[in-house]
Amino acid sequence: MSQRLYSADQVADLLGLHVKTVRGYVRDGRLPAARIGKQYRITHESLEAFTGGTVAAAPGAAARRRHVDVSSIVEIDAIGPKDAHRVTTLLTGAAGGNTDGRRLRFETSYDEERARLKVVVLGGLSETTRVLELVGTVVEP
């Protein structure tokens, strides 16, 4: 239901008209618009119907898509260097296997004296969930 809405100023810029001309079209009913507060909002579809053709989106008026980013810190105690290397290799493969264009980043730090691996994962919700599940399968008994 994400519908592109334009202000009268944006429509004027797109059509090369003065903003007062656009407001006049709206008041006359030639350009359908919704009044929100003291401003008009014109849908992309109404604008295309008014012009009789396709209209390129105004710069900065592109519909924004919601996304969720996750930052996770995982500390794994009592892990040997060999298993820590396995987890790091697993994460490298998972980060390189993104197919949906979202970035997945991670950083690992192994403290041999404490036998502790710290993993920082940054990425989208589904990617991070997948990576944490993979880590869980490797380190949980």
Protein backbone atom coordinates (compact mmCIF):
# COMPACT_ATOMS: atom_id res chain seq x y z
CA MET A 1 0.00 0.00 0.00
CA SER A 2 2.97 2.34 -0.32
CA GLN A 3 1.60 5.03 -2.59
CA ARG A 4 3.78 7.87 -3.84
CA LEU A 5 2.38 11.22 -2.80
CA TYR A 6 3.58 14.58 -4.06
CA SER A 7 3.15 18.07 -2.69
CA ALA A 8 1.96 20.89 -4.96
CA ASP A 9 5.55 22.20 -5.01
CA GLN A 10 6.89 18.83 -6.20
CA VAL A 11 4.23 18.59 -8.93
CA ALA A 12 5.07 22.12 -10.06
CA ASP A 13 8.76 21.16 -10.32
CA LEU A 14 7.93 17.98 -12.23
CA LEU A 15 5.68 19.72 -14.74
CA GLY A 16 7.63 22.95 -15.02
CA LEU A 17 4.71 25.01 -13.73
CA HIS A 18 4.29 27.61 -11.03
CA VAL A 19 2.99 26.21 -7.75
CA LYS A 20 -0.02 28.58 -7.89
CA THR A 21 -0.99 27.04 -11.25
CA VAL A 22 -0.91 23.55 -9.73
CA ARG A 23 -3.01 24.68 -6.76
CA GLY A 24 -5.49 26.22 -9.21
CA TYR A 25 -5.78 22.90 -11.07
CA VAL A 26 -6.47 21.19 -7.74
CA ARG A 27 -9.08 23.76 -6.68
CA ASP A 28 -10.79 23.52 -10.10
CA GLY A 29 -10.94 19.74 -9.75
CA ARG A 30 -8.80 19.10 -12.84
CA LEU A 31 -6.05 17.51 -10.72
CA PRO A 32 -7.42 15.22 -7.98
CA ALA A 33 -5.72 15.75 -4.62
CA ALA A 34 -6.29 15.13 -0.93
CA ARG A 35 -6.00 17.96 1.53
CA ILE A 36 -3.88 17.05 4.54
CA GLY A 37 -3.81 19.91 7.01
CA LYS A 38 -3.15 23.01 4.92
CA GLN A 39 -1.39 21.19 2.08
CA TYR A 40 -2.47 19.19 -0.92
CA ARG A 41 -1.12 15.73 -1.65
CA ILE A 42 -1.36 14.35 -5.18
CA THR A 43 -0.95 10.65 -5.91
CA HIS A 44 1.39 9.49 -8.65
CA GLU A 45 -1.54 7.86 -10.44
CA SER A 46 -3.55 11.10 -10.39
CA LEU A 47 -0.57 12.97 -11.77
CA GLU A 48 -0.15 10.48 -14.62
CA ALA A 49 -3.87 10.62 -15.40
CA PHE A 50 -3.71 14.43 -15.44
CA THR A 51 -0.72 14.53 -17.82
CA GLY A 52 -1.94 11.62 -19.94
CA GLY A 53 1.38 9.80 -19.73
CA THR A 54 4.04 8.50 -17.42
CA VAL A 55 5.73 10.87 -15.02
CA ALA A 56 9.23 10.29 -13.65
CA ALA A 57 9.41 10.40 -9.88
CA ALA A 58 10.62 13.65 -8.37
CA PRO A 59 14.08 13.58 -6.82
CA GLY A 60 13.72 12.91 -3.12
CA ALA A 61 10.10 11.85 -3.58
CA ALA A 62 10.81 8.17 -4.08
CA ALA A 63 8.89 5.94 -1.75
CA ARG A 64 11.01 4.77 1.13
CA ARG A 65 11.01 1.14 2.03
CA ARG A 66 11.18 0.12 5.65
CA HIS A 67 13.96 -2.17 6.69
CA VAL A 68 15.23 -3.40 10.01
CA ASP A 69 18.90 -3.56 10.93
CA VAL A 70 20.25 -5.65 13.78
CA SER A 71 23.44 -5.36 15.80
CA SER A 72 24.28 -8.47 17.78
CA ILE A 73 27.17 -9.35 20.05
CA VAL A 74 27.69 -13.01 20.82
CA GLU A 75 30.24 -14.20 23.37
CA ILE A 76 31.13 -17.87 23.30
CA ASP A 77 33.04 -19.16 26.33
CA ALA A 78 35.09 -22.33 26.61
CA ILE A 79 35.83 -22.56 22.91
CA GLY A 80 39.14 -23.76 21.55
CA PRO A 81 41.07 -22.13 18.72
CA LYS A 82 40.04 -24.83 16.26
CA ASP A 83 36.31 -24.32 16.90
CA ALA A 84 36.74 -20.53 16.92
CA HIS A 85 38.29 -20.81 13.47
CA ARG A 86 35.34 -22.98 12.32
CA VAL A 87 32.86 -20.32 13.47
CA THR A 88 34.83 -17.57 11.73
CA THR A 89 34.97 -19.60 8.50
CA LEU A 90 31.24 -20.28 8.75
CA LEU A 91 30.53 -16.57 9.15
CA THR A 92 32.73 -15.70 6.19
CA GLY A 93 30.74 -18.08 4.02
CA ALA A 94 27.42 -16.77 5.30
CA ALA A 95 28.37 -13.14 4.70
CA GLY A 96 29.51 -13.91 1.17
CA GLY A 97 26.34 -15.81 0.33
CA ASN A 98 23.89 -12.89 0.52
CA THR A 99 21.54 -13.13 -2.43
CA ASP A 100 19.01 -10.43 -1.61
CA GLY A 101 21.37 -7.45 -1.79
CA ARG A 102 21.37 -6.70 1.92
CA ARG A 103 24.73 -6.30 3.56
CA LEU A 104 25.83 -8.60 6.33
CA ARG A 105 28.97 -7.78 8.23
CA PHE A 106 30.68 -9.44 11.12
CA GLU A 107 33.81 -9.17 13.19
CA THR A 108 35.35 -11.81 15.41
CA SER A 109 37.85 -11.59 18.22
CA TYR A 110 39.34 -14.64 19.90
CA ASP A 111 40.95 -14.41 23.34
CA GLU A 112 43.06 -17.55 23.65
CA GLU A 113 43.88 -16.94 27.32
CA ARG A 114 40.18 -16.91 28.28
CA ALA A 115 39.11 -19.33 25.52
CA ARG A 116 36.44 -16.82 24.50
CA LEU A 117 35.24 -15.89 21.02
CA LYS A 118 33.40 -12.61 20.59
CA VAL A 119 31.34 -12.20 17.43
CA VAL A 120 29.74 -8.92 16.34
CA VAL A 121 27.11 -9.31 13.60
CA LEU A 122 25.56 -6.36 11.74
CA GLY A 123 22.87 -6.81 9.12
CA GLY A 124 19.22 -7.22 8.31
CA LEU A 125 16.88 -9.09 10.60
CA SER A 126 16.52 -12.25 8.53
CA GLU A 127 20.23 -12.43 7.63
CA THR A 128 21.30 -11.96 11.24
CA THR A 129 18.82 -14.58 12.42
CA ARG A 130 20.16 -17.06 9.87
CA VAL A 131 23.77 -16.41 10.92
CA LEU A 132 23.00 -16.73 14.63
CA GLU A 133 21.23 -20.03 13.99
CA LEU A 134 24.30 -21.27 12.10
CA VAL A 135 26.57 -20.26 14.99
CA GLY A 136 24.24 -22.04 17.38
CA THR A 137 24.45 -25.31 15.43
CA VAL A 138 28.24 -25.20 15.59
CA VAL A 139 28.79 -24.23 19.21
CA GLU A 140 25.85 -25.75 21.10
CA PRO A 141 26.26 -29.35 22.28
